[in-house]
Amino acid sequence: MMASLWGHAGPTVLAAFLASLVEFIEALTVVLAVGAVRGWKGALGGAGLALLVLLAIVVVLGPALTAIPLEVVQLGVGTLLLLFGMRWLRKAILRAAGVIALHDEEALFQKEVATLSGFARVTQGWDRVAVMTAFKITMVEGIEVVFIVIAMGAAGGGLLWPASLGAIAALLLVIALGAVLHKPVSTIPENTLKFTVGILLSTFGTFWVGEGAGLNWPGGDWALLGLVCGFTATAFTTVSMCRVRRVEGV
């Protein structure tokens, strides 16, 4: 029973946690820049407001999807999740192969600081620039988290809470890191996280598309492990091929 439960909910928690971690780190970088330049009242106020809106979206849309036949949800959401995961995996592969540059949180932080410094400071009341900047980045990055949480919760059947717990754990970790470090979390290997998340989301998407189409996967939920291995092998092979092509093109 425990093995079956972990095989069903464990990968969901992990995928939601890692995907949310990547998105929240990117949001944290901008929020820290806002706090450093414009003040923490507006930065935390804008980010907090965005989190409340995102939570409301999950609360409303998550249970609403349960009214739709599971097969329809699995096929539709699985397709979107597969496309979503492949987009992340494609970028991670190109970055790992050196085709495109790695994401630089420190450079993003300095860019935001320079931009925010150009606006006039507010001495009384709420700083609208700070609130809106923090709100916008938290919403932009958070919407992807909400999509992943809702998709896993709806298509997996009863997995909304495990997916939500994974996202909440990532949020708490990022908040703790931001409170302690007060600077961009540049030491975390973001491209490795995106590589892993791309594989996991592609795996879930493929699995649920198959289930929605009426396919009986060999081994049931344990087929997820085989799909993970398949996507991982394909991704590493593609990285090697891209590196060879890049060297030959020099």
C-alpha atoms as a PDB file:
ATOM      1  CA  MET A   1       0.000   0.000   0.000  1.00  0.00           C
ATOM      2  CA  MET A   2       2.758   2.458   0.962  1.00  0.00           C
ATOM      3  CA  ALA A   3       4.766   1.607  -2.156  1.00  0.00           C
ATOM      4  CA  SER A   4       1.733   2.181  -4.333  1.00  0.00           C
ATOM      5  CA  LEU A   5       0.969   5.481  -2.580  1.00  0.00           C
ATOM      6  CA  TRP A   6       4.527   6.722  -2.998  1.00  0.00           C
ATOM      7  CA  GLY A   7       4.636   5.598  -6.609  1.00  0.00           C
ATOM      8  CA  HIS A   8       1.494   7.637  -7.268  1.00  0.00           C
ATOM      9  CA  ALA A   9       1.942  10.757  -5.119  1.00  0.00           C
ATOM     10  CA  GLY A  10       5.732  10.922  -4.618  1.00  0.00           C
ATOM     11  CA  PRO A  11       6.671  11.942  -8.182  1.00  0.00           C
ATOM     12  CA  THR A  12       3.883  14.535  -8.140  1.00  0.00           C
ATOM     13  CA  VAL A  13       5.239  16.175  -4.992  1.00  0.00           C
ATOM     14  CA  LEU A  14       8.784  16.129  -6.407  1.00  0.00           C
ATOM     15  CA  ALA A  15       7.808  17.574  -9.790  1.00  0.00           C
ATOM     16  CA  ALA A  16       5.671  20.321  -8.232  1.00  0.00           C
ATOM     17  CA  PHE A  17       8.431  21.150  -5.737  1.00  0.00           C
ATOM     18  CA  LEU A  18      11.209  21.435  -8.330  1.00  0.00           C
ATOM     19  CA  ALA A  19       9.104  23.331 -10.871  1.00  0.00           C
ATOM     20  CA  SER A  20       7.901  25.751  -8.195  1.00  0.00           C
ATOM     21  CA  LEU A  21      11.439  26.177  -6.862  1.00  0.00           C
ATOM     22  CA  VAL A  22      12.688  27.363 -10.254  1.00  0.00           C
ATOM     23  CA  GLU A  23       9.836  29.825 -10.730  1.00  0.00           C
ATOM     24  CA  PHE A  24       9.935  31.205  -7.187  1.00  0.00           C
ATOM     25  CA  ILE A  25      13.710  31.740  -7.360  1.00  0.00           C
ATOM     26  CA  GLU A  26      13.244  33.899 -10.446  1.00  0.00           C
ATOM     27  CA  ALA A  27      10.494  35.863  -8.696  1.00  0.00           C
ATOM     28  CA  LEU A  28      12.647  36.200  -5.562  1.00  0.00           C
ATOM     29  CA  THR A  29      15.442  37.845  -7.547  1.00  0.00           C
ATOM     30  CA  VAL A  30      13.171  40.680  -8.684  1.00  0.00           C
ATOM     31  CA  VAL A  31      11.416  41.044  -5.312  1.00  0.00           C
ATOM     32  CA  LEU A  32      14.798  41.375  -3.593  1.00  0.00           C
ATOM     33  CA  ALA A  33      15.810  44.053  -6.083  1.00  0.00           C
ATOM     34  CA  VAL A  34      12.555  45.916  -5.417  1.00  0.00           C
ATOM     35  CA  GLY A  35      13.090  45.690  -1.660  1.00  0.00           C
ATOM     36  CA  ALA A  36      16.684  46.861  -1.865  1.00  0.00           C
ATOM     37  CA  VAL A  37      15.918  49.884  -4.055  1.00  0.00           C
ATOM     38  CA  ARG A  38      12.302  50.870  -3.326  1.00  0.00           C
ATOM     39  CA  GLY A  39      11.751  49.521   0.198  1.00  0.00           C
ATOM     40  CA  TRP A  40      10.465  46.274   1.670  1.00  0.00           C
ATOM     41  CA  LYS A  41       6.929  47.461   2.386  1.00  0.00           C
ATOM     42  CA  GLY A  42       6.003  47.719  -1.290  1.00  0.00           C
ATOM     43  CA  ALA A  43       8.036  44.657  -2.307  1.00  0.00           C
ATOM     44  CA  LEU A  44       6.471  42.339   0.251  1.00  0.00           C
ATOM     45  CA  GLY A  45       3.032  43.891  -0.197  1.00  0.00           C
ATOM     46  CA  GLY A  46       3.027  43.310  -3.959  1.00  0.00           C
ATOM     47  CA  ALA A  47       4.394  39.779  -3.690  1.00  0.00           C
ATOM     48  CA  GLY A  48       1.934  38.893  -0.918  1.00  0.00           C
ATOM     49  CA  LEU A  49      -1.025  40.197  -2.911  1.00  0.00           C
ATOM     50  CA  ALA A  50       0.023  38.124  -5.923  1.00  0.00           C
ATOM     51  CA  LEU A  51       0.317  34.985  -3.779  1.00  0.00           C
ATOM     52  CA  LEU A  52      -3.228  35.513  -2.485  1.00  0.00           C
ATOM     53  CA  VAL A  53      -4.536  35.830  -6.052  1.00  0.00           C
ATOM     54  CA  LEU A  54      -2.673  32.672  -7.101  1.00  0.00           C
ATOM     55  CA  LEU A  55      -4.038  30.782  -4.098  1.00  0.00           C
ATOM     56  CA  ALA A  56      -7.575  31.850  -5.021  1.00  0.00           C
ATOM     57  CA  ILE A  57      -7.062  30.567  -8.566  1.00  0.00           C
ATOM     58  CA  VAL A  58      -5.982  27.151  -7.267  1.00  0.00           C
ATOM     59  CA  VAL A  59      -8.895  26.984  -4.822  1.00  0.00           C
ATOM     60  CA  VAL A  60     -11.437  27.872  -7.520  1.00  0.00           C
ATOM     61  CA  LEU A  61     -10.109  26.048 -10.588  1.00  0.00           C
ATOM     62  CA  GLY A  62      -8.728  22.921  -8.901  1.00  0.00           C
ATOM     63  CA  PRO A  63     -12.032  21.491  -7.596  1.00  0.00           C
ATOM     64  CA  ALA A  64     -13.927  22.823 -10.656  1.00  0.00           C
ATOM     65  CA  LEU A  65     -11.976  20.528 -12.970  1.00  0.00           C
ATOM     66  CA  THR A  66     -13.210  17.486 -11.053  1.00  0.00           C
ATOM     67  CA  ALA A  67     -16.640  18.030 -12.640  1.00  0.00           C
ATOM     68  CA  ILE A  68     -15.155  17.215 -16.056  1.00  0.00           C
ATOM     69  CA  PRO A  69     -14.765  13.516 -16.992  1.00  0.00           C
ATOM     70  CA  LEU A  70     -11.310  12.335 -15.903  1.00  0.00           C
ATOM     71  CA  GLU A  71     -10.391  10.977 -19.351  1.00  0.00           C
ATOM     72  CA  VAL A  72     -11.081  14.355 -20.970  1.00  0.00           C
ATOM     73  CA  VAL A  73      -9.032  16.186 -18.340  1.00  0.00           C
ATOM     74  CA  GLN A  74      -6.153  13.723 -18.634  1.00  0.00           C
ATOM     75  CA  LEU A  75      -6.022  14.031 -22.424  1.00  0.00           C
ATOM     76  CA  GLY A  76      -6.284  17.830 -22.508  1.00  0.00           C
ATOM     77  CA  VAL A  77      -4.124  18.654 -19.511  1.00  0.00           C
ATOM     78  CA  GLY A  78      -1.660  15.892 -20.368  1.00  0.00           C
ATOM     79  CA  THR A  79      -1.121  17.396 -23.812  1.00  0.00           C
ATOM     80  CA  LEU A  80      -0.547  20.870 -22.377  1.00  0.00           C
ATOM     81  CA  LEU A  81       1.744  19.512 -19.670  1.00  0.00           C
ATOM     82  CA  LEU A  82       3.766  17.602 -22.263  1.00  0.00           C
ATOM     83  CA  LEU A  83       4.202  20.712 -24.402  1.00  0.00           C
ATOM     84  CA  PHE A  84       5.052  22.727 -21.286  1.00  0.00           C
ATOM     85  CA  GLY A  85       7.659  20.181 -20.165  1.00  0.00           C
ATOM     86  CA  MET A  86       9.208  19.874 -23.608  1.00  0.00           C
ATOM     87  CA  ARG A  87       9.642  23.648 -23.760  1.00  0.00           C
ATOM     88  CA  TRP A  88      11.558  23.612 -20.460  1.00  0.00           C
ATOM     89  CA  LEU A  89      13.572  20.577 -21.523  1.00  0.00           C
ATOM     90  CA  ARG A  90      14.484  22.110 -24.884  1.00  0.00           C
ATOM     91  CA  LYS A  91      15.905  25.245 -23.240  1.00  0.00           C
ATOM     92  CA  ALA A  92      17.745  23.189 -20.601  1.00  0.00           C
ATOM     93  CA  ILE A  93      19.289  20.984 -23.297  1.00  0.00           C
ATOM     94  CA  LEU A  94      20.462  23.986 -25.337  1.00  0.00           C
ATOM     95  CA  ARG A  95      21.945  25.606 -22.232  1.00  0.00           C
ATOM     96  CA  ALA A  96      23.664  22.384 -21.158  1.00  0.00           C
ATOM     97  CA  ALA A  97      25.137  22.056 -24.645  1.00  0.00           C
ATOM     98  CA  GLY A  98      26.376  25.647 -24.615  1.00  0.00           C
ATOM     99  CA  VAL A  99      24.162  26.707 -27.516  1.00  0.00           C
ATOM    100  CA  ILE A 100      22.475  29.445 -25.441  1.00  0.00           C
ATOM    101  CA  ALA A 101      23.770  31.183 -22.321  1.00  0.00           C
ATOM    102  CA  LEU A 102      22.900  30.023 -18.817  1.00  0.00           C
ATOM    103  CA  HIS A 103      20.368  32.068 -16.863  1.00  0.00           C
ATOM    104  CA  ASP A 104      22.221  34.575 -14.639  1.00  0.00           C
ATOM    105  CA  GLU A 105      20.242  35.587 -11.536  1.00  0.00           C
ATOM    106  CA  GLU A 106      22.915  38.062 -10.433  1.00  0.00           C
ATOM    107  CA  ALA A 107      22.788  39.860 -13.799  1.00  0.00           C
ATOM    108  CA  LEU A 108      18.977  39.961 -13.614  1.00  0.00           C
ATOM    109  CA  PHE A 109      19.209  41.425 -10.095  1.00  0.00           C
ATOM    110  CA  GLN A 110      21.566  44.200 -11.192  1.00  0.00           C
ATOM    111  CA  LYS A 111      19.383  44.978 -14.218  1.00  0.00           C
ATOM    112  CA  GLU A 112      16.279  45.330 -12.046  1.00  0.00           C
ATOM    113  CA  VAL A 113      18.166  47.526  -9.559  1.00  0.00           C
ATOM    114  CA  ALA A 114      19.256  49.846 -12.373  1.00  0.00           C
ATOM    115  CA  THR A 115      15.721  50.044 -13.779  1.00  0.00           C
ATOM    116  CA  LEU A 116      14.033  50.680 -10.426  1.00  0.00           C
ATOM    117  CA  SER A 117      16.588  53.324  -9.453  1.00  0.00           C
ATOM    118  CA  GLY A 118      15.368  55.488 -12.323  1.00  0.00           C
ATOM    119  CA  PHE A 119      11.956  56.083 -10.727  1.00  0.00           C
ATOM    120  CA  ALA A 120      11.312  58.811  -8.169  1.00  0.00           C
ATOM    121  CA  ARG A 121      11.246  57.613  -4.557  1.00  0.00           C
ATOM    122  CA  VAL A 122       8.037  57.678  -2.510  1.00  0.00           C
ATOM    123  CA  THR A 123       8.409  58.899   1.070  1.00  0.00           C
ATOM    124  CA  GLN A 124       4.819  58.369   2.289  1.00  0.00           C
ATOM    125  CA  GLY A 125       2.197  55.697   1.716  1.00  0.00           C
ATOM    126  CA  TRP A 126       2.557  52.768  -0.665  1.00  0.00           C
ATOM    127  CA  ASP A 127       5.145  52.880  -3.429  1.00  0.00           C
ATOM    128  CA  ARG A 128       3.095  51.905  -6.493  1.00  0.00           C
ATOM    129  CA  VAL A 129       6.182  51.120  -8.563  1.00  0.00           C
ATOM    130  CA  ALA A 130       7.420  48.698  -5.910  1.00  0.00           C
ATOM    131  CA  VAL A 131       4.006  47.084  -5.392  1.00  0.00           C
ATOM    132  CA  MET A 132       3.266  46.629  -9.085  1.00  0.00           C
ATOM    133  CA  THR A 133       6.755  45.357  -9.945  1.00  0.00           C
ATOM    134  CA  ALA A 134       6.711  42.758  -7.162  1.00  0.00           C
ATOM    135  CA  PHE A 135       3.091  41.845  -7.952  1.00  0.00           C
ATOM    136  CA  LYS A 136       3.766  41.418 -11.673  1.00  0.00           C
ATOM    137  CA  ILE A 137       6.843  39.187 -11.359  1.00  0.00           C
ATOM    138  CA  THR A 138       5.207  37.027  -8.690  1.00  0.00           C
ATOM    139  CA  MET A 139       2.087  36.604 -10.834  1.00  0.00           C
ATOM    140  CA  VAL A 140       4.048  35.857 -14.011  1.00  0.00           C
ATOM    141  CA  GLU A 141       6.210  33.188 -12.399  1.00  0.00           C
ATOM    142  CA  GLY A 142       3.423  31.969 -10.120  1.00  0.00           C
ATOM    143  CA  ILE A 143       0.953  31.345 -12.952  1.00  0.00           C
ATOM    144  CA  GLU A 144       3.233  28.595 -14.258  1.00  0.00           C
ATOM    145  CA  VAL A 145       3.299  27.071 -10.776  1.00  0.00           C
ATOM    146  CA  VAL A 146      -0.500  27.232 -10.573  1.00  0.00           C
ATOM    147  CA  PHE A 147      -0.819  25.569 -13.956  1.00  0.00           C
ATOM    148  CA  ILE A 148       1.444  22.705 -12.909  1.00  0.00           C
ATOM    149  CA  VAL A 149      -0.309  22.228  -9.560  1.00  0.00           C
ATOM    150  CA  ILE A 150      -3.798  22.260 -11.081  1.00  0.00           C
ATOM    151  CA  ALA A 151      -2.758  20.044 -13.993  1.00  0.00           C
ATOM    152  CA  MET A 152      -1.263  17.404 -11.720  1.00  0.00           C
ATOM    153  CA  GLY A 153      -4.129  17.596  -9.278  1.00  0.00           C
ATOM    154  CA  ALA A 154      -6.804  17.298 -11.956  1.00  0.00           C
ATOM    155  CA  ALA A 155      -5.237  14.816 -14.348  1.00  0.00           C
ATOM    156  CA  GLY A 156      -3.790  12.561 -11.679  1.00  0.00           C
ATOM    157  CA  GLY A 157      -6.987  12.095  -9.704  1.00  0.00           C
ATOM    158  CA  GLY A 158      -6.777  13.080  -6.029  1.00  0.00           C
ATOM    159  CA  LEU A 159      -3.304  14.600  -6.394  1.00  0.00           C
ATOM    160  CA  LEU A 160      -4.192  18.262  -5.923  1.00  0.00           C
ATOM    161  CA  TRP A 161      -3.042  18.240  -2.303  1.00  0.00           C
ATOM    162  CA  PRO A 162       0.295  16.471  -2.953  1.00  0.00           C
ATOM    163  CA  ALA A 163       1.019  18.875  -5.820  1.00  0.00           C
ATOM    164  CA  SER A 164       0.036  21.845  -3.642  1.00  0.00           C
ATOM    165  CA  LEU A 165       2.268  20.619  -0.806  1.00  0.00           C
ATOM    166  CA  GLY A 166       5.221  20.399  -3.197  1.00  0.00           C
ATOM    167  CA  ALA A 167       4.630  23.983  -4.367  1.00  0.00           C
ATOM    168  CA  ILE A 168       4.152  25.278  -0.818  1.00  0.00           C
ATOM    169  CA  ALA A 169       7.367  23.577   0.325  1.00  0.00           C
ATOM    170  CA  ALA A 170       9.257  25.276  -2.515  1.00  0.00           C
ATOM    171  CA  LEU A 171       7.725  28.645  -1.633  1.00  0.00           C
ATOM    172  CA  LEU A 172       8.688  28.321   2.037  1.00  0.00           C
ATOM    173  CA  LEU A 173      12.234  27.294   1.101  1.00  0.00           C
ATOM    174  CA  VAL A 174      12.663  30.280  -1.229  1.00  0.00           C
ATOM    175  CA  ILE A 175      11.227  32.683   1.375  1.00  0.00           C
ATOM    176  CA  ALA A 176      13.649  31.294   3.961  1.00  0.00           C
ATOM    177  CA  LEU A 177      16.605  31.629   1.584  1.00  0.00           C
ATOM    178  CA  GLY A 178      15.624  35.187   0.712  1.00  0.00           C
ATOM    179  CA  ALA A 179      15.244  36.135   4.377  1.00  0.00           C
ATOM    180  CA  VAL A 180      18.644  34.685   5.263  1.00  0.00           C
ATOM    181  CA  LEU A 181      20.693  35.665   2.207  1.00  0.00           C
ATOM    182  CA  HIS A 182      19.070  38.954   1.096  1.00  0.00           C
ATOM    183  CA  LYS A 183      20.577  38.367  -2.348  1.00  0.00           C
ATOM    184  CA  PRO A 184      19.859  36.321  -5.494  1.00  0.00           C
ATOM    185  CA  VAL A 185      20.068  32.554  -5.008  1.00  0.00           C
ATOM    186  CA  SER A 186      22.709  32.128  -7.709  1.00  0.00           C
ATOM    187  CA  THR A 187      24.392  29.096  -6.149  1.00  0.00           C
ATOM    188  CA  ILE A 188      21.486  26.758  -6.966  1.00  0.00           C
ATOM    189  CA  PRO A 189      22.101  24.974 -10.309  1.00  0.00           C
ATOM    190  CA  GLU A 190      18.991  26.351 -11.996  1.00  0.00           C
ATOM    191  CA  ASN A 191      19.566  24.697 -15.369  1.00  0.00           C
ATOM    192  CA  THR A 192      19.896  21.308 -13.692  1.00  0.00           C
ATOM    193  CA  LEU A 193      16.567  21.940 -11.967  1.00  0.00           C
ATOM    194  CA  LYS A 194      14.941  22.942 -15.258  1.00  0.00           C
ATOM    195  CA  PHE A 195      16.437  19.875 -16.935  1.00  0.00           C
ATOM    196  CA  THR A 196      14.933  17.645 -14.246  1.00  0.00           C
ATOM    197  CA  VAL A 197      11.578  19.433 -14.238  1.00  0.00           C
ATOM    198  CA  GLY A 198      11.366  19.244 -18.024  1.00  0.00           C
ATOM    199  CA  ILE A 199      11.831  15.485 -17.866  1.00  0.00           C
ATOM    200  CA  LEU A 200       9.268  15.056 -15.086  1.00  0.00           C
ATOM    201  CA  LEU A 201       6.613  17.232 -16.721  1.00  0.00           C
ATOM    202  CA  SER A 202       7.120  15.530 -20.079  1.00  0.00           C
ATOM    203  CA  THR A 203       6.794  12.186 -18.323  1.00  0.00           C
ATOM    204  CA  PHE A 204       3.539  13.107 -16.593  1.00  0.00           C
ATOM    205  CA  GLY A 205       2.165  14.647 -19.777  1.00  0.00           C
ATOM    206  CA  THR A 206       2.909  11.530 -21.828  1.00  0.00           C
ATOM    207  CA  PHE A 207       1.494   9.247 -19.151  1.00  0.00           C
ATOM    208  CA  TRP A 208      -1.780  11.153 -18.834  1.00  0.00           C
ATOM    209  CA  VAL A 209      -2.228  11.541 -22.584  1.00  0.00           C
ATOM    210  CA  GLY A 210      -1.933   7.771 -22.804  1.00  0.00           C
ATOM    211  CA  GLU A 211      -4.445   7.225 -20.011  1.00  0.00           C
ATOM    212  CA  GLY A 212      -6.843   9.762 -21.491  1.00  0.00           C
ATOM    213  CA  ALA A 213      -6.638   7.951 -24.836  1.00  0.00           C
ATOM    214  CA  GLY A 214      -7.493   4.637 -23.130  1.00  0.00           C
ATOM    215  CA  LEU A 215      -3.986   3.148 -23.048  1.00  0.00           C
ATOM    216  CA  ASN A 216      -3.287   0.657 -20.253  1.00  0.00           C
ATOM    217  CA  TRP A 217       0.304   1.346 -19.256  1.00  0.00           C
ATOM    218  CA  PRO A 218       2.344  -1.763 -18.374  1.00  0.00           C
ATOM    219  CA  GLY A 219       2.830  -1.792 -14.617  1.00  0.00           C
ATOM    220  CA  GLY A 220       0.302   0.995 -14.038  1.00  0.00           C
ATOM    221  CA  ASP A 221       1.809   4.023 -12.282  1.00  0.00           C
ATOM    222  CA  TRP A 222       5.231   2.385 -12.271  1.00  0.00           C
ATOM    223  CA  ALA A 223       5.366   3.016 -16.028  1.00  0.00           C
ATOM    224  CA  LEU A 224       6.275   6.567 -15.009  1.00  0.00           C
ATOM    225  CA  LEU A 225       9.737   5.297 -14.075  1.00  0.00           C
ATOM    226  CA  GLY A 226      10.249   3.855 -17.544  1.00  0.00           C
ATOM    227  CA  LEU A 227       9.148   7.113 -19.137  1.00  0.00           C
ATOM    228  CA  VAL A 228      11.546   9.078 -16.922  1.00  0.00           C
ATOM    229  CA  CYS A 229      14.411   6.830 -18.029  1.00  0.00           C
ATOM    230  CA  GLY A 230      13.406   7.198 -21.668  1.00  0.00           C
ATOM    231  CA  PHE A 231      13.189  10.991 -21.576  1.00  0.00           C
ATOM    232  CA  THR A 232      16.452  11.200 -19.597  1.00  0.00           C
ATOM    233  CA  ALA A 233      18.360   9.042 -22.085  1.00  0.00           C
ATOM    234  CA  THR A 234      16.936  11.006 -25.008  1.00  0.00           C
ATOM    235  CA  ALA A 235      17.776  14.343 -23.374  1.00  0.00           C
ATOM    236  CA  PHE A 236      21.398  13.409 -22.627  1.00  0.00           C
ATOM    237  CA  THR A 237      21.828  12.029 -26.138  1.00  0.00           C
ATOM    238  CA  THR A 238      20.463  15.274 -27.560  1.00  0.00           C
ATOM    239  CA  VAL A 239      22.856  17.329 -25.411  1.00  0.00           C
ATOM    240  CA  SER A 240      25.800  15.333 -26.802  1.00  0.00           C
ATOM    241  CA  MET A 241      24.572  15.776 -30.371  1.00  0.00           C
ATOM    242  CA  CYS A 242      24.119  19.532 -29.879  1.00  0.00           C
ATOM    243  CA  ARG A 243      27.623  19.858 -28.455  1.00  0.00           C
ATOM    244  CA  VAL A 244      29.091  18.046 -31.443  1.00  0.00           C
ATOM    245  CA  ARG A 245      27.138  20.232 -33.871  1.00  0.00           C
ATOM    246  CA  ARG A 246      28.227  23.371 -32.008  1.00  0.00           C
ATOM    247  CA  VAL A 247      31.903  22.374 -32.148  1.00  0.00           C
ATOM    248  CA  GLU A 248      31.680  21.476 -35.822  1.00  0.00           C
ATOM    249  CA  GLY A 249      30.043  24.788 -36.550  1.00  0.00           C
ATOM    250  CA  VAL A 250      32.910  26.800 -34.999  1.00  0.00           C
END
